[in-house]
Amino acid sequence: MSTKLDIYTTKRRGRIKNMLFTSACFLATITCVLMLMVLIWNIILQGKDWLSWGFIDHLPSRFPHKAGIKSALWGSIWLISLTAMFSVPLGVGAAVYLEEYAPRSRWRKLIQLNIANLAGVPSIVYGILGLGLFVRALSLERSVLSGALTLTLVVLPIIILASQEALRAVPDSIRRSAYALGATRWQTVWYQVLPASLPGIMTGVILSLSRALGEAAPLIAVGAMAYVPFVPEKLTDEFTALPIQIFNWTSRPQEDFHHLAAAGILVLLVVLVSMNAIAIFVRHKYGKKIRW
């Protein structure tokens, strides 16, 4: 009788602890969501009256009513395009080598550990590295190319890890079936493994580029200009980006520039949410085509 009572008491305590922990997690989630909603609503109230086509199409100005984000928006487009051009082939190629070709050795474990550590390094560290390597050592100056290469360093470890996870999700039976039919390792990877892992790889790439689009610290370290009255036309041009322009406006004492910053944040949020929506759509659409 005593044993049954002890078991009942233990189970009851476990249920109470589980309920308390679940309630605490739910409360923390609701608190974070409410705080985020309050911040977004505050930004919408400040910036909605300043959003217009002129705001998108005008260059920065010291007069708030004439200022726009044209050079910053095009600078961000240049940066994200070049970053994707550099990071996607390198990141996916490194992931394919590590998962499909590299022998299981201590060197591979060491490389894997370093990649995982690099994914958690603060972005300002990459900005300092980009300043020393690209801007000064390679004499690329404070150009679009320097900024894109620095952002490539930021997102490359994330793309490698996301691609590796997508490749690991492909069952080994697909590889063995291809080998059994006489396919080479390259044919197996190119025609079977990569298509099957493509939704996960594309999702990781898009989310990584979304992070790069919102980065300000490494670009400040590299020397992105806060005021650029022209649109970049070549790789060696000076540049600014949306986060840098927003940071510049928020540092101004005039209230109108704070409203401009809020409008710029809204534009940046729309771009980021759109990229995340594309990632979800790609994963959902192409994931349904894969049947294992």
Protein backbone atom coordinates (compact mmCIF):
# COMPACT_ATOMS: atom_id res chain seq x y z
CA MET A 1 0.00 0.00 0.00
CA SER A 2 2.82 2.36 0.89
CA THR A 3 4.60 1.61 -2.40
CA LYS A 4 1.50 2.47 -4.48
CA LEU A 5 1.07 5.70 -2.53
CA ASP A 6 4.69 6.67 -3.18
CA ILE A 7 4.29 5.97 -6.91
CA TYR A 8 1.09 8.05 -7.01
CA THR A 9 2.79 10.93 -5.15
CA THR A 10 5.79 10.83 -7.50
CA LYS A 11 3.57 10.89 -10.58
CA ARG A 12 1.54 13.76 -9.15
CA ARG A 13 4.67 15.77 -8.43
CA GLY A 14 5.90 15.06 -11.97
CA ARG A 15 2.60 16.32 -13.43
CA ILE A 16 2.75 19.49 -11.33
CA LYS A 17 6.38 20.17 -12.34
CA ASN A 18 5.51 19.53 -15.99
CA MET A 19 2.53 21.90 -15.79
CA LEU A 20 4.60 24.61 -14.10
CA PHE A 21 7.40 24.31 -16.65
CA THR A 22 4.94 24.38 -19.56
CA SER A 23 3.21 27.44 -18.11
CA ALA A 24 6.56 29.22 -17.61
CA CYS A 25 7.59 28.52 -21.22
CA PHE A 26 4.20 29.68 -22.50
CA LEU A 27 4.40 32.86 -20.43
CA ALA A 28 7.92 33.60 -21.69
CA THR A 29 6.78 33.07 -25.29
CA ILE A 30 3.74 35.31 -24.90
CA THR A 31 5.85 38.03 -23.25
CA CYS A 32 8.37 38.01 -26.11
CA VAL A 33 5.64 38.06 -28.77
CA LEU A 34 3.81 40.93 -27.06
CA MET A 35 7.01 42.96 -26.73
CA LEU A 36 7.78 42.37 -30.41
CA MET A 37 4.26 43.40 -31.41
CA VAL A 38 4.52 46.59 -29.34
CA LEU A 39 7.87 47.47 -30.97
CA ILE A 40 6.58 46.81 -34.49
CA TRP A 41 3.39 48.78 -33.83
CA ASN A 42 5.44 51.70 -32.52
CA ILE A 43 7.63 51.62 -35.65
CA ILE A 44 4.53 51.50 -37.88
CA LEU A 45 3.04 54.54 -36.13
CA GLN A 46 6.26 56.50 -36.53
CA GLY A 47 7.07 55.54 -40.10
CA LYS A 48 3.80 55.00 -41.97
CA ASP A 49 3.30 58.65 -42.88
CA TRP A 50 6.81 58.87 -44.37
CA LEU A 51 6.48 55.84 -46.64
CA SER A 52 6.04 56.83 -50.27
CA TRP A 53 7.53 56.18 -53.67
CA GLY A 54 9.61 59.31 -53.25
CA PHE A 55 11.11 57.86 -50.10
CA ILE A 56 12.19 54.79 -52.10
CA ASP A 57 13.39 56.75 -55.12
CA HIS A 58 15.17 59.71 -53.50
CA LEU A 59 18.80 59.87 -52.45
CA PRO A 60 19.80 60.77 -48.87
CA SER A 61 19.63 64.43 -47.96
CA ARG A 62 20.26 66.66 -44.95
CA PHE A 63 16.67 67.82 -45.35
CA PRO A 64 14.30 65.17 -43.95
CA HIS A 65 11.46 65.81 -46.41
CA LYS A 66 13.84 65.30 -49.36
CA ALA A 67 15.69 62.26 -47.96
CA GLY A 68 15.25 58.74 -49.29
CA ILE A 69 16.83 55.31 -49.29
CA LYS A 70 17.65 54.84 -52.96
CA SER A 71 21.42 54.55 -52.55
CA ALA A 72 21.07 52.41 -49.40
CA LEU A 73 18.55 50.09 -51.06
CA TRP A 74 20.71 49.60 -54.15
CA GLY A 75 23.76 49.16 -51.94
CA SER A 76 21.97 46.36 -50.09
CA ILE A 77 20.98 44.77 -53.40
CA TRP A 78 24.60 44.89 -54.57
CA LEU A 79 25.82 43.42 -51.29
CA ILE A 80 23.30 40.59 -51.09
CA SER A 81 23.77 39.64 -54.76
CA LEU A 82 27.57 39.48 -54.49
CA THR A 83 27.37 37.70 -51.12
CA ALA A 84 25.12 35.04 -52.64
CA MET A 85 27.46 34.71 -55.62
CA PHE A 86 30.45 34.09 -53.36
CA SER A 87 28.96 32.17 -50.44
CA VAL A 88 26.53 29.74 -52.05
CA PRO A 89 28.99 27.83 -54.29
CA LEU A 90 31.66 27.80 -51.57
CA GLY A 91 29.27 26.83 -48.78
CA VAL A 92 27.40 24.10 -50.64
CA GLY A 93 30.63 22.78 -52.17
CA ALA A 94 32.30 22.58 -48.76
CA ALA A 95 29.26 20.81 -47.30
CA VAL A 96 29.21 18.26 -50.15
CA TYR A 97 32.92 17.55 -49.70
CA LEU A 98 32.68 17.16 -45.93
CA GLU A 99 29.62 14.90 -46.07
CA GLU A 100 30.21 12.87 -49.22
CA TYR A 101 33.94 12.79 -49.91
CA ALA A 102 36.03 13.63 -46.83
CA PRO A 103 37.24 10.55 -44.92
CA ARG A 104 36.07 10.21 -41.33
CA SER A 105 39.24 11.32 -39.60
CA ARG A 106 40.43 13.62 -36.82
CA TRP A 107 41.12 16.37 -39.33
CA ARG A 108 37.51 16.28 -40.48
CA LYS A 109 36.28 16.46 -36.90
CA LEU A 110 38.61 19.39 -36.24
CA ILE A 111 37.37 21.23 -39.34
CA GLN A 112 33.75 20.50 -38.41
CA LEU A 113 34.31 21.81 -34.88
CA ASN A 114 35.86 25.02 -36.18
CA ILE A 115 33.02 25.61 -38.64
CA ALA A 116 30.48 25.18 -35.83
CA ASN A 117 32.44 27.64 -33.68
CA LEU A 118 32.73 30.16 -36.51
CA ALA A 119 28.94 30.13 -36.94
CA GLY A 120 28.63 31.56 -33.43
CA VAL A 121 31.29 34.26 -33.71
CA PRO A 122 29.89 37.84 -33.38
CA SER A 123 29.63 39.56 -36.74
CA ILE A 124 31.76 42.51 -35.62
CA VAL A 125 34.74 40.12 -35.44
CA TYR A 126 34.27 39.34 -39.12
CA GLY A 127 34.05 43.08 -39.76
CA ILE A 128 37.46 43.61 -38.14
CA LEU A 129 38.83 40.68 -40.15
CA GLY A 130 37.39 42.16 -43.35
CA LEU A 131 38.93 45.54 -42.55
CA GLY A 132 42.38 44.03 -42.09
CA LEU A 133 42.23 41.51 -44.95
CA PHE A 134 40.11 42.97 -47.74
CA VAL A 135 40.29 46.72 -47.16
CA ARG A 136 43.97 47.01 -46.19
CA ALA A 137 45.92 43.84 -47.08
CA LEU A 138 44.26 43.29 -50.49
CA SER A 139 43.82 47.07 -51.08
CA LEU A 140 40.17 46.75 -52.07
CA GLU A 141 39.45 49.94 -50.11
CA ARG A 142 35.98 50.70 -48.73
CA SER A 143 34.18 49.26 -51.73
CA VAL A 144 31.12 47.17 -52.43
CA LEU A 145 33.41 44.21 -53.04
CA SER A 146 35.00 44.52 -49.59
CA GLY A 147 31.59 44.64 -47.94
CA ALA A 148 30.31 41.63 -49.89
CA LEU A 149 33.40 39.55 -49.10
CA THR A 150 33.06 40.44 -45.41
CA LEU A 151 29.40 39.40 -45.37
CA THR A 152 30.44 36.19 -47.13
CA LEU A 153 32.63 35.39 -44.14
CA VAL A 154 29.65 36.01 -41.85
CA VAL A 155 27.20 33.66 -43.60
CA LEU A 156 29.56 31.01 -44.97
CA PRO A 157 29.68 28.83 -41.80
CA ILE A 158 25.90 28.98 -41.50
CA ILE A 159 25.40 27.90 -45.12
CA ILE A 160 27.86 25.03 -44.67
CA LEU A 161 26.10 23.75 -41.54
CA ALA A 162 22.62 24.11 -43.05
CA SER A 163 23.71 22.31 -46.23
CA GLN A 164 25.31 19.52 -44.21
CA GLU A 165 22.11 18.99 -42.26
CA ALA A 166 20.14 18.83 -45.51
CA LEU A 167 22.59 16.29 -46.96
CA ARG A 168 22.44 14.16 -43.81
CA ALA A 169 18.66 14.05 -44.06
CA VAL A 170 18.91 12.12 -47.34
CA PRO A 171 18.59 8.38 -46.53
CA ASP A 172 21.65 6.23 -47.22
CA SER A 173 19.40 3.83 -49.12
CA ILE A 174 19.30 6.33 -52.00
CA ARG A 175 23.10 6.33 -52.19
CA ARG A 176 23.33 2.55 -51.98
CA SER A 177 20.67 2.13 -54.67
CA ALA A 178 22.58 4.44 -57.02
CA TYR A 179 25.84 2.58 -56.37
CA ALA A 180 24.09 -0.73 -56.96
CA LEU A 181 23.02 0.47 -60.41
CA GLY A 182 26.63 1.32 -61.30
CA ALA A 183 26.59 5.06 -60.69
CA THR A 184 29.81 6.77 -59.65
CA ARG A 185 30.02 8.82 -56.47
CA TRP A 186 29.79 12.06 -58.43
CA GLN A 187 26.73 10.86 -60.35
CA THR A 188 25.12 9.78 -57.10
CA VAL A 189 25.74 13.12 -55.47
CA TRP A 190 24.77 15.24 -58.48
CA TYR A 191 21.68 13.37 -59.68
CA GLN A 192 20.32 11.88 -56.45
CA VAL A 193 21.62 13.42 -53.23
CA LEU A 194 21.69 17.10 -54.19
CA PRO A 195 18.16 17.18 -55.71
CA ALA A 196 16.79 15.42 -52.63
CA SER A 197 18.52 17.86 -50.27
CA LEU A 198 17.80 20.99 -52.35
CA PRO A 199 14.81 22.27 -50.30
CA GLY A 200 16.83 22.22 -47.08
CA ILE A 201 19.86 23.79 -48.74
CA MET A 202 17.81 26.58 -50.34
CA THR A 203 16.05 27.30 -47.05
CA GLY A 204 19.38 27.59 -45.23
CA VAL A 205 20.81 29.82 -47.96
CA ILE A 206 17.85 32.21 -48.00
CA LEU A 207 17.78 32.52 -44.20
CA SER A 208 21.54 33.12 -44.15
CA LEU A 209 21.24 35.85 -46.76
CA SER A 210 18.40 37.37 -44.73
CA ARG A 211 20.80 37.66 -41.82
CA ALA A 212 23.43 39.25 -44.07
CA LEU A 213 20.88 41.80 -45.29
CA GLY A 214 20.26 43.03 -41.75
CA GLU A 215 23.90 43.18 -40.64
CA ALA A 216 25.29 46.59 -39.73
CA ALA A 217 28.27 45.95 -37.41
CA PRO A 218 30.62 44.31 -39.97
CA LEU A 219 29.80 46.96 -42.57
CA ILE A 220 30.59 49.75 -40.10
CA ALA A 221 33.91 48.07 -39.33
CA VAL A 222 34.72 47.74 -43.03
CA GLY A 223 33.94 51.42 -43.50
CA ALA A 224 30.55 51.62 -45.20
CA MET A 225 29.67 55.27 -45.63
CA ALA A 226 26.75 56.72 -43.69
CA TYR A 227 26.06 59.25 -46.46
CA VAL A 228 26.41 58.20 -50.10
CA PRO A 229 24.67 60.55 -52.57
CA PHE A 230 24.93 58.14 -55.51
CA VAL A 231 24.02 54.59 -56.51
CA PRO A 232 26.95 52.13 -56.79
CA GLU A 233 27.66 51.22 -60.40
CA LYS A 234 30.79 49.06 -60.11
CA LEU A 235 32.52 46.82 -57.60
CA THR A 236 35.03 49.46 -56.51
CA ASP A 237 32.44 52.14 -55.69
CA GLU A 238 31.81 53.28 -52.13
CA PHE A 239 28.49 52.17 -50.72
CA THR A 240 26.00 52.28 -47.93
CA ALA A 241 23.27 49.83 -46.93
CA LEU A 242 19.84 49.95 -45.33
CA PRO A 243 21.04 49.10 -41.78
CA ILE A 244 23.78 51.75 -42.02
CA GLN A 245 21.34 54.39 -43.29
CA ILE A 246 18.88 53.57 -40.51
CA PHE A 247 21.67 53.77 -37.93
CA ASN A 248 22.70 57.16 -39.31
CA TRP A 249 19.17 58.58 -39.10
CA THR A 250 18.59 57.32 -35.56
CA SER A 251 21.77 59.10 -34.42
CA ARG A 252 20.44 62.47 -35.61
CA PRO A 253 18.85 64.76 -32.99
CA GLN A 254 15.99 65.90 -35.27
CA GLU A 255 12.70 64.09 -34.71
CA ASP A 256 11.95 63.91 -38.46
CA PHE A 257 15.03 61.76 -39.05
CA HIS A 258 13.75 59.33 -36.42
CA HIS A 259 10.55 58.98 -38.45
CA LEU A 260 12.66 58.39 -41.55
CA ALA A 261 14.53 55.67 -39.67
CA ALA A 262 11.23 54.03 -38.74
CA ALA A 263 10.16 54.10 -42.40
CA GLY A 264 13.49 52.53 -43.38
CA ILE A 265 12.99 49.81 -40.76
CA LEU A 266 9.58 49.05 -42.27
CA VAL A 267 11.13 48.65 -45.72
CA LEU A 268 13.83 46.39 -44.31
CA LEU A 269 11.23 44.33 -42.42
CA VAL A 270 9.18 43.86 -45.59
CA VAL A 271 12.26 42.61 -47.46
CA LEU A 272 13.28 40.26 -44.63
CA VAL A 273 9.77 38.86 -44.16
CA SER A 274 9.51 38.34 -47.93
CA MET A 275 12.78 36.40 -47.99
CA ASN A 276 11.65 34.24 -45.07
CA ALA A 277 8.31 33.64 -46.79
CA ILE A 278 10.17 32.55 -49.94
CA ALA A 279 12.21 30.11 -47.84
CA ILE A 280 9.04 28.60 -46.36
CA PHE A 281 7.40 28.39 -49.79
CA VAL A 282 10.45 26.74 -51.38
CA ARG A 283 10.72 24.15 -48.62
CA HIS A 284 7.01 23.37 -48.75
CA LYS A 285 6.75 23.20 -52.54
CA TYR A 286 9.85 21.19 -53.33
CA GLY A 287 9.64 19.11 -50.16
CA LYS A 288 6.36 17.61 -51.36
CA LYS A 289 8.01 16.33 -54.53
CA ILE A 290 10.44 14.14 -52.57
CA ARG A 291 9.16 10.69 -51.68
CA TRP A 292 11.44 8.38 -49.74
